[in-house]
């Protein structure tokens, strides 16, 4: 069974237009999972986030970055308005990976059940 947090991550990515038939979907989801555990990972994604995702998926950090960028492109093509709503400010261009992950991490943190206590 998938933990609730991971279900919420997957649901958000699906809502934005990402699909599980892309490798980047799962790598992005895992990156979000790690960022929710420790938001400081978002400060240096190439050193503190991508390597751990790469280890988990038996690849290298450059492949992870590429796959996350591909996921961002798909989402930007499908639902830029929804991404702007989630970001809580207008996005005039496709976000960079660290910005994208920060936007979704902040959104998931706000909506997390524990954040309302």
N, C-alpha and C. Protein backbone atom coordinates (compact mmCIF):
# COMPACT_ATOMS: atom_id res chain seq x y z
N UNK A 1 0.83 -1.17 0.00
CA UNK A 1 0.00 0.00 0.00
C UNK A 1 0.88 1.25 0.00
N UNK A 2 0.49 2.24 -0.77
CA UNK A 2 1.25 3.48 -0.88
C UNK A 2 0.89 4.39 0.30
N UNK A 3 1.92 4.93 1.00
CA UNK A 3 1.64 5.84 2.11
C UNK A 3 0.81 7.04 1.64
N UNK A 4 0.04 7.61 2.57
CA UNK A 4 -0.86 8.72 2.25
C UNK A 4 -0.11 9.88 1.60
N UNK A 5 1.04 10.24 2.15
CA UNK A 5 1.83 11.34 1.59
C UNK A 5 2.16 11.07 0.12
N UNK A 6 2.59 9.85 -0.19
CA UNK A 6 2.93 9.51 -1.57
C UNK A 6 1.69 9.49 -2.46
N UNK A 7 0.56 9.08 -1.92
CA UNK A 7 -0.70 9.14 -2.68
C UNK A 7 -1.02 10.59 -3.04
N UNK A 8 -0.81 11.50 -2.10
CA UNK A 8 -1.08 12.91 -2.35
C UNK A 8 -0.13 13.47 -3.41
N UNK A 9 1.12 13.07 -3.35
CA UNK A 9 2.10 13.50 -4.35
C UNK A 9 1.69 12.99 -5.72
N UNK A 10 1.37 11.72 -5.82
CA UNK A 10 0.96 11.13 -7.11
C UNK A 10 -0.31 11.80 -7.63
N UNK A 11 -1.26 12.04 -6.75
CA UNK A 11 -2.51 12.69 -7.16
C UNK A 11 -2.25 14.09 -7.70
N UNK A 12 -1.37 14.83 -7.04
CA UNK A 12 -1.04 16.18 -7.50
C UNK A 12 -0.37 16.15 -8.87
N UNK A 13 0.58 15.25 -9.06
CA UNK A 13 1.25 15.15 -10.36
C UNK A 13 0.27 14.76 -11.45
N UNK A 14 -0.64 13.84 -11.15
CA UNK A 14 -1.68 13.47 -12.12
C UNK A 14 -2.58 14.66 -12.43
N UNK A 15 -2.98 15.38 -11.41
CA UNK A 15 -3.85 16.55 -11.60
C UNK A 15 -3.18 17.58 -12.51
N UNK A 16 -1.87 17.70 -12.40
CA UNK A 16 -1.13 18.65 -13.21
C UNK A 16 -0.90 18.16 -14.64
N UNK A 17 -1.15 16.88 -14.89
CA UNK A 17 -1.03 16.35 -16.24
C UNK A 17 0.11 15.39 -16.46
N UNK A 18 0.87 15.09 -15.42
CA UNK A 18 1.95 14.10 -15.55
C UNK A 18 1.34 12.70 -15.49
N UNK A 19 1.99 11.77 -16.14
CA UNK A 19 1.47 10.41 -16.21
C UNK A 19 2.54 9.42 -15.77
N UNK A 20 2.10 8.30 -15.24
CA UNK A 20 3.02 7.30 -14.72
C UNK A 20 3.81 6.58 -15.80
N UNK A 21 3.52 6.82 -17.06
CA UNK A 21 4.29 6.15 -18.10
C UNK A 21 5.61 6.88 -18.38
N UNK A 22 5.89 7.96 -17.65
CA UNK A 22 7.16 8.66 -17.76
C UNK A 22 8.02 8.33 -16.55
N UNK A 23 9.29 8.04 -16.79
CA UNK A 23 10.22 7.78 -15.70
C UNK A 23 10.27 8.97 -14.76
N UNK A 24 10.20 10.16 -15.33
CA UNK A 24 10.27 11.37 -14.54
C UNK A 24 9.15 11.51 -13.53
N UNK A 25 8.00 10.90 -13.79
CA UNK A 25 6.89 10.96 -12.84
C UNK A 25 7.33 10.42 -11.49
N UNK A 26 7.92 9.24 -11.48
CA UNK A 26 8.30 8.59 -10.23
C UNK A 26 9.50 9.26 -9.59
N UNK A 27 10.44 9.72 -10.42
CA UNK A 27 11.60 10.42 -9.87
C UNK A 27 11.19 11.76 -9.28
N UNK A 28 10.28 12.46 -9.93
CA UNK A 28 9.76 13.72 -9.39
C UNK A 28 9.01 13.46 -8.09
N UNK A 29 8.19 12.42 -8.08
CA UNK A 29 7.43 12.07 -6.87
C UNK A 29 8.38 11.75 -5.71
N UNK A 30 9.42 11.01 -5.98
CA UNK A 30 10.37 10.65 -4.91
C UNK A 30 11.14 11.89 -4.45
N UNK A 31 11.50 12.77 -5.38
CA UNK A 31 12.17 14.01 -5.02
C UNK A 31 11.27 14.85 -4.10
N UNK A 32 9.99 14.90 -4.42
CA UNK A 32 9.05 15.62 -3.57
C UNK A 32 8.93 14.98 -2.19
N UNK A 33 8.89 13.66 -2.18
CA UNK A 33 8.84 12.92 -0.92
C UNK A 33 10.04 13.30 -0.04
N UNK A 34 11.24 13.30 -0.63
CA UNK A 34 12.45 13.64 0.11
C UNK A 34 12.44 15.10 0.56
N UNK A 35 11.96 15.98 -0.31
CA UNK A 35 11.90 17.41 0.02
C UNK A 35 10.90 17.68 1.15
N UNK A 36 9.82 16.92 1.19
CA UNK A 36 8.86 17.07 2.29
C UNK A 36 9.48 16.60 3.61
N UNK A 37 10.31 15.57 3.55
CA UNK A 37 11.00 15.10 4.75
C UNK A 37 12.01 16.13 5.25
N UNK A 38 12.71 16.77 4.30
CA UNK A 38 13.74 17.75 4.66
C UNK A 38 13.79 18.85 3.60
N UNK A 39 13.04 19.93 3.83
CA UNK A 39 12.97 21.02 2.84
C UNK A 39 14.33 21.66 2.51
N UNK A 40 15.32 21.51 3.38
CA UNK A 40 16.64 22.07 3.09
C UNK A 40 17.29 21.43 1.87
N UNK A 41 16.83 20.26 1.49
CA UNK A 41 17.35 19.61 0.28
C UNK A 41 17.12 20.47 -0.96
N UNK A 42 16.11 21.33 -0.91
CA UNK A 42 15.79 22.17 -2.06
C UNK A 42 16.79 23.30 -2.27
N UNK A 43 17.64 23.54 -1.30
CA UNK A 43 18.64 24.61 -1.43
C UNK A 43 19.71 24.28 -2.46
N UNK A 44 20.13 23.05 -2.52
CA UNK A 44 21.13 22.60 -3.50
C UNK A 44 20.67 21.26 -4.07
N UNK A 45 19.74 21.33 -5.01
CA UNK A 45 19.14 20.08 -5.51
C UNK A 45 20.15 19.15 -6.15
N UNK A 46 21.17 19.70 -6.82
CA UNK A 46 22.14 18.82 -7.49
C UNK A 46 23.06 18.11 -6.51
N UNK A 47 23.16 18.62 -5.28
CA UNK A 47 24.03 17.97 -4.29
C UNK A 47 23.25 17.24 -3.20
N UNK A 48 22.07 17.77 -2.84
CA UNK A 48 21.34 17.22 -1.70
C UNK A 48 20.08 16.46 -2.05
N UNK A 49 19.63 16.55 -3.30
CA UNK A 49 18.36 15.90 -3.64
C UNK A 49 18.53 14.89 -4.78
N UNK A 50 19.01 15.36 -5.93
CA UNK A 50 19.14 14.48 -7.09
C UNK A 50 19.98 13.22 -6.82
N UNK A 51 21.11 13.33 -6.09
CA UNK A 51 21.89 12.11 -5.85
C UNK A 51 21.11 11.02 -5.10
N UNK A 52 20.28 11.42 -4.13
CA UNK A 52 19.50 10.43 -3.39
C UNK A 52 18.41 9.81 -4.26
N UNK A 53 17.81 10.62 -5.13
CA UNK A 53 16.83 10.08 -6.07
C UNK A 53 17.53 9.12 -7.03
N UNK A 54 18.72 9.50 -7.48
CA UNK A 54 19.48 8.66 -8.41
C UNK A 54 19.84 7.31 -7.78
N UNK A 55 20.26 7.34 -6.54
CA UNK A 55 20.59 6.09 -5.85
C UNK A 55 19.35 5.20 -5.75
N UNK A 56 18.24 5.80 -5.40
CA UNK A 56 16.99 5.05 -5.26
C UNK A 56 16.57 4.38 -6.57
N UNK A 57 16.81 5.07 -7.70
CA UNK A 57 16.40 4.55 -9.01
C UNK A 57 17.55 3.98 -9.82
N UNK A 58 18.70 3.79 -9.19
CA UNK A 58 19.86 3.15 -9.83
C UNK A 58 20.26 3.85 -11.13
N UNK A 59 20.44 5.15 -11.04
CA UNK A 59 20.84 5.95 -12.19
C UNK A 59 21.78 7.03 -11.68
N UNK A 60 22.01 8.07 -12.47
CA UNK A 60 22.87 9.16 -12.03
C UNK A 60 22.06 10.44 -11.89
N UNK A 61 22.63 11.42 -11.20
CA UNK A 61 21.87 12.64 -10.89
C UNK A 61 21.52 13.42 -12.14
N UNK A 62 22.35 13.34 -13.19
CA UNK A 62 22.04 14.06 -14.43
C UNK A 62 20.80 13.48 -15.11
N UNK A 63 20.64 12.18 -15.04
CA UNK A 63 19.44 11.54 -15.61
C UNK A 63 18.21 11.96 -14.81
N UNK A 64 18.35 12.05 -13.50
CA UNK A 64 17.25 12.49 -12.65
C UNK A 64 16.86 13.92 -13.02
N UNK A 65 17.84 14.79 -13.13
CA UNK A 65 17.54 16.18 -13.49
C UNK A 65 16.85 16.25 -14.85
N UNK A 66 17.34 15.50 -15.82
CA UNK A 66 16.72 15.48 -17.15
C UNK A 66 15.26 15.01 -17.06
N UNK A 67 15.02 13.94 -16.33
CA UNK A 67 13.67 13.39 -16.22
C UNK A 67 12.72 14.33 -15.48
N UNK A 68 13.22 15.03 -14.48
CA UNK A 68 12.38 16.01 -13.79
C UNK A 68 12.09 17.17 -14.72
N UNK A 69 13.08 17.62 -15.49
CA UNK A 69 12.86 18.69 -16.47
C UNK A 69 11.81 18.28 -17.49
N UNK A 70 11.87 17.04 -17.94
CA UNK A 70 10.89 16.52 -18.90
C UNK A 70 9.48 16.54 -18.29
N UNK A 71 9.38 16.14 -17.04
CA UNK A 71 8.09 16.16 -16.34
C UNK A 71 7.57 17.60 -16.24
N UNK A 72 8.45 18.53 -15.93
CA UNK A 72 8.05 19.94 -15.85
C UNK A 72 7.53 20.42 -17.21
N UNK A 73 8.22 20.05 -18.28
CA UNK A 73 7.79 20.45 -19.63
C UNK A 73 6.40 19.91 -19.94
N UNK A 74 6.16 18.67 -19.60
CA UNK A 74 4.84 18.06 -19.84
C UNK A 74 3.78 18.83 -19.05
N UNK A 75 4.05 19.08 -17.78
CA UNK A 75 3.09 19.79 -16.94
C UNK A 75 2.87 21.21 -17.46
N UNK A 76 3.94 21.88 -17.85
CA UNK A 76 3.82 23.25 -18.35
C UNK A 76 3.00 23.29 -19.63
N UNK A 77 3.15 22.28 -20.48
CA UNK A 77 2.38 22.21 -21.72
C UNK A 77 0.90 21.93 -21.46
N UNK A 78 0.61 21.15 -20.43
CA UNK A 78 -0.76 20.71 -20.15
C UNK A 78 -1.52 21.70 -19.26
N UNK A 79 -0.88 22.18 -18.20
CA UNK A 79 -1.65 22.96 -17.22
C UNK A 79 -0.84 24.08 -16.56
N UNK A 80 -0.35 25.04 -17.35
CA UNK A 80 0.39 26.14 -16.74
C UNK A 80 -0.46 26.99 -15.80
N UNK A 81 -1.76 27.11 -16.09
CA UNK A 81 -2.63 27.91 -15.22
C UNK A 81 -2.76 27.27 -13.84
N UNK A 82 -2.95 25.96 -13.81
CA UNK A 82 -3.08 25.26 -12.54
C UNK A 82 -1.77 25.36 -11.75
N UNK A 83 -0.66 25.25 -12.44
CA UNK A 83 0.62 25.37 -11.75
C UNK A 83 0.78 26.77 -11.15
N UNK A 84 0.31 27.79 -11.85
CA UNK A 84 0.35 29.16 -11.30
C UNK A 84 -0.55 29.29 -10.07
N UNK A 85 -1.70 28.64 -10.12
CA UNK A 85 -2.61 28.65 -8.96
C UNK A 85 -1.94 27.99 -7.76
N UNK A 86 -1.31 26.86 -8.01
CA UNK A 86 -0.62 26.14 -6.93
C UNK A 86 0.55 26.97 -6.40
N UNK A 87 1.23 27.68 -7.29
CA UNK A 87 2.37 28.52 -6.89
C UNK A 87 1.92 29.75 -6.11
N UNK A 88 0.64 30.11 -6.25
CA UNK A 88 0.06 31.28 -5.60
C UNK A 88 0.59 32.60 -6.14
N UNK A 89 1.11 32.54 -7.37
CA UNK A 89 1.52 33.75 -8.09
C UNK A 89 1.64 33.39 -9.56
N UNK A 90 1.52 34.37 -10.43
CA UNK A 90 1.61 34.06 -11.87
C UNK A 90 2.98 33.53 -12.25
N UNK A 91 2.98 32.53 -13.08
CA UNK A 91 4.22 32.00 -13.65
C UNK A 91 4.21 32.38 -15.13
N UNK A 92 5.16 33.19 -15.54
CA UNK A 92 5.19 33.66 -16.92
C UNK A 92 6.06 32.80 -17.82
N UNK A 93 6.85 31.95 -17.19
CA UNK A 93 7.66 31.00 -17.95
C UNK A 93 7.77 29.71 -17.16
N UNK A 94 8.15 28.67 -17.85
CA UNK A 94 8.26 27.35 -17.22
C UNK A 94 9.28 27.43 -16.08
N UNK A 95 8.91 26.92 -14.90
CA UNK A 95 9.83 27.00 -13.76
C UNK A 95 11.03 26.06 -13.93
N UNK A 96 12.12 26.46 -13.33
CA UNK A 96 13.31 25.61 -13.28
C UNK A 96 13.02 24.47 -12.29
N UNK A 97 13.78 23.39 -12.36
CA UNK A 97 13.49 22.25 -11.47
C UNK A 97 13.43 22.59 -9.98
N UNK A 98 14.39 23.33 -9.47
CA UNK A 98 14.37 23.65 -8.04
C UNK A 98 13.14 24.49 -7.69
N UNK A 99 12.79 25.43 -8.56
CA UNK A 99 11.61 26.26 -8.33
C UNK A 99 10.35 25.40 -8.36
N UNK A 100 10.25 24.53 -9.36
CA UNK A 100 9.10 23.64 -9.50
C UNK A 100 8.94 22.76 -8.26
N UNK A 101 10.02 22.15 -7.83
CA UNK A 101 9.96 21.28 -6.65
C UNK A 101 9.60 22.08 -5.40
N UNK A 102 10.09 23.30 -5.30
CA UNK A 102 9.74 24.15 -4.16
C UNK A 102 8.26 24.51 -4.16
N UNK A 103 7.73 24.82 -5.33
CA UNK A 103 6.31 25.15 -5.45
C UNK A 103 5.45 23.98 -4.98
N UNK A 104 5.76 22.79 -5.49
CA UNK A 104 4.93 21.63 -5.14
C UNK A 104 5.14 21.21 -3.69
N UNK A 105 6.36 21.33 -3.19
CA UNK A 105 6.62 20.99 -1.79
C UNK A 105 5.85 21.92 -0.86
N UNK A 106 5.87 23.21 -1.16
CA UNK A 106 5.13 24.17 -0.34
C UNK A 106 3.63 23.87 -0.39
N UNK A 107 3.11 23.57 -1.56
CA UNK A 107 1.69 23.26 -1.71
C UNK A 107 1.33 22.00 -0.92
N UNK A 108 2.14 20.98 -1.04
CA UNK A 108 1.86 19.73 -0.32
C UNK A 108 2.01 19.93 1.18
N UNK A 109 2.92 20.77 1.61
CA UNK A 109 3.11 21.04 3.05
C UNK A 109 1.90 21.77 3.63
N UNK A 110 1.35 22.70 2.86
CA UNK A 110 0.17 23.44 3.30
C UNK A 110 -1.02 22.51 3.43
N UNK A 111 -1.15 21.57 2.47
CA UNK A 111 -2.29 20.66 2.46
C UNK A 111 -2.10 19.41 3.31
N UNK A 112 -0.92 19.26 3.90
CA UNK A 112 -0.66 18.06 4.70
C UNK A 112 -1.58 18.05 5.93
N UNK A 113 -2.12 16.88 6.29
CA UNK A 113 -3.01 16.79 7.45
C UNK A 113 -2.39 17.33 8.73
N UNK A 114 -1.08 17.12 8.95
CA UNK A 114 -0.44 17.56 10.18
C UNK A 114 -0.26 19.07 10.22
N UNK A 115 -0.32 19.74 9.07
CA UNK A 115 -0.06 21.19 9.04
C UNK A 115 -1.23 22.00 9.58
N UNK A 116 -2.37 21.37 9.82
CA UNK A 116 -3.56 22.09 10.30
C UNK A 116 -3.72 22.01 11.81
N UNK A 117 -2.76 21.43 12.50
CA UNK A 117 -2.84 21.30 13.97
C UNK A 117 -2.37 22.55 14.65
